[in-house]
C-alpha atoms as a PDB file:
ATOM      1  CA  MET A   1     -13.301 -41.454 -14.899  1.00  0.00           C
ATOM      2  CA  ILE A   2     -10.664 -38.776 -14.468  1.00  0.00           C
ATOM      3  CA  PRO A   3      -7.025 -39.702 -15.127  1.00  0.00           C
ATOM      4  CA  TYR A   4      -4.887 -40.899 -12.269  1.00  0.00           C
ATOM      5  CA  LYS A   5      -2.529 -37.866 -12.566  1.00  0.00           C
ATOM      6  CA  LEU A   6      -5.469 -35.446 -12.067  1.00  0.00           C
ATOM      7  CA  ALA A   7      -6.887 -37.491  -9.186  1.00  0.00           C
ATOM      8  CA  LYS A   8      -3.407 -37.420  -7.566  1.00  0.00           C
ATOM      9  CA  GLU A   9      -3.153 -33.630  -8.002  1.00  0.00           C
ATOM     10  CA  LEU A  10      -6.557 -33.262  -6.380  1.00  0.00           C
ATOM     11  CA  LYS A  11      -5.431 -35.467  -3.461  1.00  0.00           C
ATOM     12  CA  ASP A  12      -2.221 -33.534  -3.046  1.00  0.00           C
ATOM     13  CA  ALA A  13      -4.228 -30.294  -3.056  1.00  0.00           C
ATOM     14  CA  GLY A  14      -6.375 -31.609  -0.198  1.00  0.00           C
ATOM     15  CA  PHE A  15      -9.472 -32.893  -2.072  1.00  0.00           C
ATOM     16  CA  PRO A  16     -11.499 -35.283   0.125  1.00  0.00           C
ATOM     17  CA  GLN A  17     -10.752 -38.884  -0.572  1.00  0.00           C
ATOM     18  CA  THR A  18     -14.295 -40.136  -0.163  1.00  0.00           C
ATOM     19  CA  GLY A  19     -17.429 -39.617  -2.131  1.00  0.00           C
ATOM     20  CA  TYR A  20     -20.231 -41.349  -3.934  1.00  0.00           C
ATOM     21  CA  SER A  21     -18.695 -42.193  -7.253  1.00  0.00           C
ATOM     22  CA  GLY A  22     -16.577 -44.908  -5.648  1.00  0.00           C
ATOM     23  CA  ARG A  23     -13.729 -44.880  -8.153  1.00  0.00           C
ATOM     24  CA  PHE A  24     -10.205 -45.308  -6.903  1.00  0.00           C
ATOM     25  CA  PRO A  25      -7.718 -45.289  -9.776  1.00  0.00           C
ATOM     26  CA  SER A  26      -4.259 -46.493  -8.949  1.00  0.00           C
ATOM     27  CA  ASN A  27      -0.998 -46.306 -10.789  1.00  0.00           C
ATOM     28  CA  GLY A  28       0.830 -48.796  -8.558  1.00  0.00           C
ATOM     29  CA  PRO A  29       0.473 -51.598  -6.009  1.00  0.00           C
ATOM     30  CA  ASN A  30       1.129 -49.393  -2.963  1.00  0.00           C
ATOM     31  CA  PRO A  31      -1.922 -48.257  -0.962  1.00  0.00           C
ATOM     32  CA  GLU A  32      -0.575 -44.724  -0.845  1.00  0.00           C
ATOM     33  CA  ASP A  33      -0.784 -44.707  -4.706  1.00  0.00           C
ATOM     34  CA  GLN A  34      -4.530 -45.141  -4.509  1.00  0.00           C
ATOM     35  CA  VAL A  35      -6.431 -41.894  -4.879  1.00  0.00           C
ATOM     36  CA  TYR A  36     -10.072 -41.039  -5.114  1.00  0.00           C
ATOM     37  CA  GLY A  37     -11.296 -40.067  -8.586  1.00  0.00           C
ATOM     38  CA  PRO A  38     -14.336 -37.798  -8.218  1.00  0.00           C
ATOM     39  CA  ASP A  39     -16.769 -37.307 -11.057  1.00  0.00           C
ATOM     40  CA  LEU A  40     -17.581 -33.938 -12.560  1.00  0.00           C
ATOM     41  CA  GLU A  41     -20.610 -33.464 -10.402  1.00  0.00           C
ATOM     42  CA  GLU A  42     -18.580 -34.033  -7.222  1.00  0.00           C
ATOM     43  CA  LEU A  43     -15.883 -31.559  -8.342  1.00  0.00           C
ATOM     44  CA  ILE A  44     -18.506 -28.871  -8.997  1.00  0.00           C
ATOM     45  CA  GLU A  45     -20.266 -29.680  -5.721  1.00  0.00           C
ATOM     46  CA  ALA A  46     -16.986 -29.363  -3.865  1.00  0.00           C
ATOM     47  CA  CYS A  47     -16.492 -25.821  -5.333  1.00  0.00           C
ATOM     48  CA  GLY A  48     -19.687 -24.807  -3.566  1.00  0.00           C
ATOM     49  CA  ASP A  49     -21.061 -21.277  -4.017  1.00  0.00           C
ATOM     50  CA  LYS A  50     -17.796 -20.130  -5.542  1.00  0.00           C
ATOM     51  CA  PHE A  51     -18.384 -22.044  -8.785  1.00  0.00           C
ATOM     52  CA  PRO A  52     -21.048 -19.739 -10.351  1.00  0.00           C
ATOM     53  CA  LYS A  53     -18.981 -16.717  -9.453  1.00  0.00           C
ATOM     54  CA  VAL A  54     -15.821 -18.109 -11.115  1.00  0.00           C
ATOM     55  CA  ILE A  55     -17.835 -18.992 -14.253  1.00  0.00           C
ATOM     56  CA  ALA A  56     -19.496 -15.603 -14.306  1.00  0.00           C
ATOM     57  CA  GLU A  57     -16.138 -13.869 -14.046  1.00  0.00           C
ATOM     58  CA  LEU A  58     -14.682 -16.075 -16.786  1.00  0.00           C
ATOM     59  CA  PHE A  59     -17.692 -15.311 -18.989  1.00  0.00           C
ATOM     60  CA  HIS A  60     -17.378 -11.608 -18.272  1.00  0.00           C
ATOM     61  CA  ASN A  61     -13.646 -11.469 -19.089  1.00  0.00           C
ATOM     62  CA  THR A  62     -14.126 -13.534 -22.272  1.00  0.00           C
ATOM     63  CA  TYR A  63     -17.001 -11.308 -23.315  1.00  0.00           C
ATOM     64  CA  GLU A  64     -14.908  -8.197 -22.728  1.00  0.00           C
ATOM     65  CA  LYS A  65     -12.083  -9.736 -24.799  1.00  0.00           C
ATOM     66  CA  PHE A  66     -14.321 -10.415 -27.820  1.00  0.00           C
ATOM     67  CA  ALA A  67     -16.629  -7.363 -27.655  1.00  0.00           C
ATOM     68  CA  PRO A  68     -14.364  -5.044 -29.697  1.00  0.00           C
ATOM     69  CA  ALA A  69     -14.109  -7.561 -32.528  1.00  0.00           C
ATOM     70  CA  PHE A  70     -17.892  -7.356 -32.857  1.00  0.00           C
ATOM     71  CA  GLY A  71     -17.938  -3.551 -32.769  1.00  0.00           C
ATOM     72  CA  TYR A  72     -19.250  -3.513 -29.212  1.00  0.00           C
ATOM     73  CA  GLU A  73     -17.897  -1.349 -26.429  1.00  0.00           C
ATOM     74  CA  THR A  74     -19.102  -2.107 -22.922  1.00  0.00           C
ATOM     75  CA  ARG A  75     -19.876   0.607 -20.393  1.00  0.00           C
ATOM     76  CA  GLU A  76     -16.913   1.889 -18.488  1.00  0.00           C
ATOM     77  CA  ASP A  77     -18.520   1.053 -15.119  1.00  0.00           C
ATOM     78  CA  THR A  78     -18.928  -2.614 -16.076  1.00  0.00           C
ATOM     79  CA  LYS A  79     -15.616  -3.270 -17.880  1.00  0.00           C
ATOM     80  CA  LYS A  80     -14.134  -4.916 -14.835  1.00  0.00           C
ATOM     81  CA  PHE A  81     -16.046  -7.744 -13.204  1.00  0.00           C
ATOM     82  CA  ASP A  82     -17.350  -6.882  -9.736  1.00  0.00           C
ATOM     83  CA  PRO A  83     -19.447  -9.526  -8.007  1.00  0.00           C
ATOM     84  CA  GLU A  84     -20.925  -6.902  -5.714  1.00  0.00           C
ATOM     85  CA  ASN A  85     -22.371  -4.523  -8.279  1.00  0.00           C
ATOM     86  CA  PRO A  86     -25.762  -5.073  -9.902  1.00  0.00           C
ATOM     87  CA  ASN A  87     -24.159  -6.227 -13.181  1.00  0.00           C
ATOM     88  CA  GLY A  88     -21.941  -8.814 -11.414  1.00  0.00           C
ATOM     89  CA  LYS A  89     -24.827 -10.058  -9.246  1.00  0.00           C
ATOM     90  CA  LEU A  90     -26.947 -10.460 -12.358  1.00  0.00           C
ATOM     91  CA  MET A  91     -24.265 -12.422 -14.125  1.00  0.00           C
ATOM     92  CA  ILE A  92     -23.705 -14.698 -11.140  1.00  0.00           C
ATOM     93  CA  LYS A  93     -27.503 -15.337 -10.878  1.00  0.00           C
ATOM     94  CA  THR A  94     -27.722 -15.989 -14.635  1.00  0.00           C
ATOM     95  CA  VAL A  95     -24.794 -18.483 -14.518  1.00  0.00           C
ATOM     96  CA  THR A  96     -26.354 -20.204 -11.506  1.00  0.00           C
ATOM     97  CA  GLU A  97     -29.672 -20.623 -13.299  1.00  0.00           C
ATOM     98  CA  ILE A  98     -27.938 -21.887 -16.550  1.00  0.00           C
ATOM     99  CA  LEU A  99     -25.710 -24.300 -14.608  1.00  0.00           C
ATOM    100  CA  GLY A 100     -28.783 -25.712 -12.916  1.00  0.00           C
ATOM    101  CA  ILE A 101     -30.155 -26.552 -16.368  1.00  0.00           C
ATOM    102  CA  VAL A 102     -27.041 -27.806 -18.190  1.00  0.00           C
ATOM    103  CA  LEU A 103     -25.816 -29.841 -15.272  1.00  0.00           C
ATOM    104  CA  ASP A 104     -29.134 -31.514 -14.692  1.00  0.00           C
ATOM    105  CA  GLU A 105     -28.924 -34.834 -16.441  1.00  0.00           C
ATOM    106  CA  GLN A 106     -32.676 -35.139 -17.123  1.00  0.00           C
ATOM    107  CA  ALA A 107     -32.858 -31.605 -18.474  1.00  0.00           C
ATOM    108  CA  VAL A 108     -30.020 -32.334 -20.881  1.00  0.00           C
ATOM    109  CA  LYS A 109     -31.734 -35.512 -22.027  1.00  0.00           C
ATOM    110  CA  ASN A 110     -34.952 -33.606 -22.597  1.00  0.00           C
ATOM    111  CA  LEU A 111     -32.990 -30.942 -24.547  1.00  0.00           C
ATOM    112  CA  TRP A 112     -31.399 -33.603 -26.736  1.00  0.00           C
ATOM    113  CA  ILE A 113     -34.796 -35.103 -27.480  1.00  0.00           C
ATOM    114  CA  LYS A 114     -36.257 -31.685 -28.306  1.00  0.00           C
ATOM    115  CA  LEU A 115     -33.294 -30.803 -30.563  1.00  0.00           C
ATOM    116  CA  ASN A 116     -33.434 -34.133 -32.322  1.00  0.00           C
ATOM    117  CA  ASP A 117     -37.210 -34.441 -32.650  1.00  0.00           C
ATOM    118  CA  LYS A 118     -37.966 -36.001 -36.032  1.00  0.00           C
ATOM    119  CA  VAL A 119     -41.687 -35.414 -35.793  1.00  0.00           C
END
């Protein structure tokens, strides 16, 4: 469950106060103090199609930051993230695919089993 303070910030920012996780943390007895506490899946879902793009841009910028320390210099035309060029589109598609795997509960369970296989 997310902390009350974060749930309150989400409410104040306009996050819908209904959903399927059904958690309503409250810091006080007043009804207006009650806020909806979405789970991670709901937060990601609420971000919609923007989520993979934001993660792709974060990945790109972090990659650019660390590349020189590893002796790697990226091409001039891809140094700045552009979601409309082929490189940006590829990064967004890749992130979308990876998120589909890492956010799938069954896939993560299967991965854990594979990584911890004692046989």
